[in-house]
């Protein structure tokens, strides 16, 4: 497998990318498993609206939509 320098490729294409990970999802929803956090990211990607972008609130709303609410929620502000 060839390693790709993502930052170099984006710069050459004059593009940017903002990356969110399952660890970010777990910052707002520490009760989720890695697999559930990945589901959240996939939902956020499918429903992305460039007018609003992705934020901590977006991740939390997607997690709530998929898995309901939790008393353990850690609000990141």
Protein backbone atom coordinates (compact mmCIF):
# COMPACT_ATOMS: atom_id res chain seq x y z
CA UNK A 1 0.00 0.00 0.00
CA UNK A 2 1.40 3.37 -1.01
CA UNK A 3 1.29 6.13 1.57
CA UNK A 4 -0.29 9.36 0.33
CA UNK A 5 0.63 12.79 1.65
CA UNK A 6 -2.89 14.17 1.86
CA UNK A 7 -1.79 17.69 2.76
CA UNK A 8 0.60 17.85 -0.20
CA UNK A 9 -2.05 16.53 -2.59
CA UNK A 10 -4.60 19.08 -1.38
CA UNK A 11 -2.12 21.94 -1.65
CA UNK A 12 -1.22 20.94 -5.20
CA UNK A 13 -4.93 20.96 -6.04
CA UNK A 14 -5.47 24.24 -4.18
CA UNK A 15 -8.00 22.56 -1.91
CA UNK A 16 -8.55 22.27 1.80
CA UNK A 17 -10.19 19.59 3.92
CA UNK A 18 -11.38 19.70 7.48
CA UNK A 19 -11.15 16.28 9.09
CA UNK A 20 -13.37 14.98 11.87
CA UNK A 21 -12.66 11.64 13.52
CA UNK A 22 -14.46 9.18 15.73
CA UNK A 23 -12.48 10.68 18.62
CA UNK A 24 -14.21 14.00 17.94
CA UNK A 25 -17.61 12.31 18.02
CA UNK A 26 -16.66 10.66 21.30
CA UNK A 27 -15.80 14.08 22.76
CA UNK A 28 -19.50 14.97 22.61
CA UNK A 29 -20.79 11.41 23.07
CA UNK A 30 -18.32 9.37 25.13
CA UNK A 31 -20.97 6.67 25.57
CA UNK A 32 -20.73 5.61 21.92
CA UNK A 33 -18.59 2.77 20.65
CA UNK A 34 -16.07 3.32 17.87
CA UNK A 35 -18.49 1.69 15.42
CA UNK A 36 -21.34 3.96 16.52
CA UNK A 37 -19.11 7.04 16.29
CA UNK A 38 -18.22 6.00 12.74
CA UNK A 39 -21.94 5.74 11.93
CA UNK A 40 -22.35 9.30 13.20
CA UNK A 41 -19.58 10.55 10.90
CA UNK A 42 -21.11 8.75 7.94
CA UNK A 43 -24.51 10.33 8.63
CA UNK A 44 -22.92 13.77 8.94
CA UNK A 45 -21.17 13.28 5.61
CA UNK A 46 -24.34 12.10 3.85
CA UNK A 47 -26.39 15.01 5.16
CA UNK A 48 -23.69 17.70 4.93
CA UNK A 49 -25.00 21.18 4.13
CA UNK A 50 -22.26 23.60 3.08
CA UNK A 51 -24.34 26.50 4.38
CA UNK A 52 -23.94 25.20 7.93
CA UNK A 53 -20.82 23.04 7.86
CA UNK A 54 -19.89 20.55 10.55
CA UNK A 55 -19.63 21.55 14.20
CA UNK A 56 -19.75 19.99 17.64
CA UNK A 57 -23.49 20.58 17.56
CA UNK A 58 -23.76 18.79 14.20
CA UNK A 59 -21.99 15.74 15.61
CA UNK A 60 -24.19 15.77 18.71
CA UNK A 61 -27.40 16.12 16.69
CA UNK A 62 -26.43 13.24 14.39
CA UNK A 63 -25.56 11.05 17.38
CA UNK A 64 -28.88 11.91 18.99
CA UNK A 65 -30.71 11.10 15.75
CA UNK A 66 -29.07 7.68 15.55
CA UNK A 67 -28.73 6.66 19.19
CA UNK A 68 -30.93 8.92 21.31
CA UNK A 69 -29.75 11.04 24.19
CA UNK A 70 -27.56 10.14 27.14
CA UNK A 71 -27.09 11.52 30.63
CA UNK A 72 -23.31 11.12 30.21
CA UNK A 73 -23.14 13.72 27.46
CA UNK A 74 -20.02 15.88 27.69
CA UNK A 75 -20.84 19.30 26.24
CA UNK A 76 -17.73 20.70 24.54
CA UNK A 77 -17.79 24.49 24.40
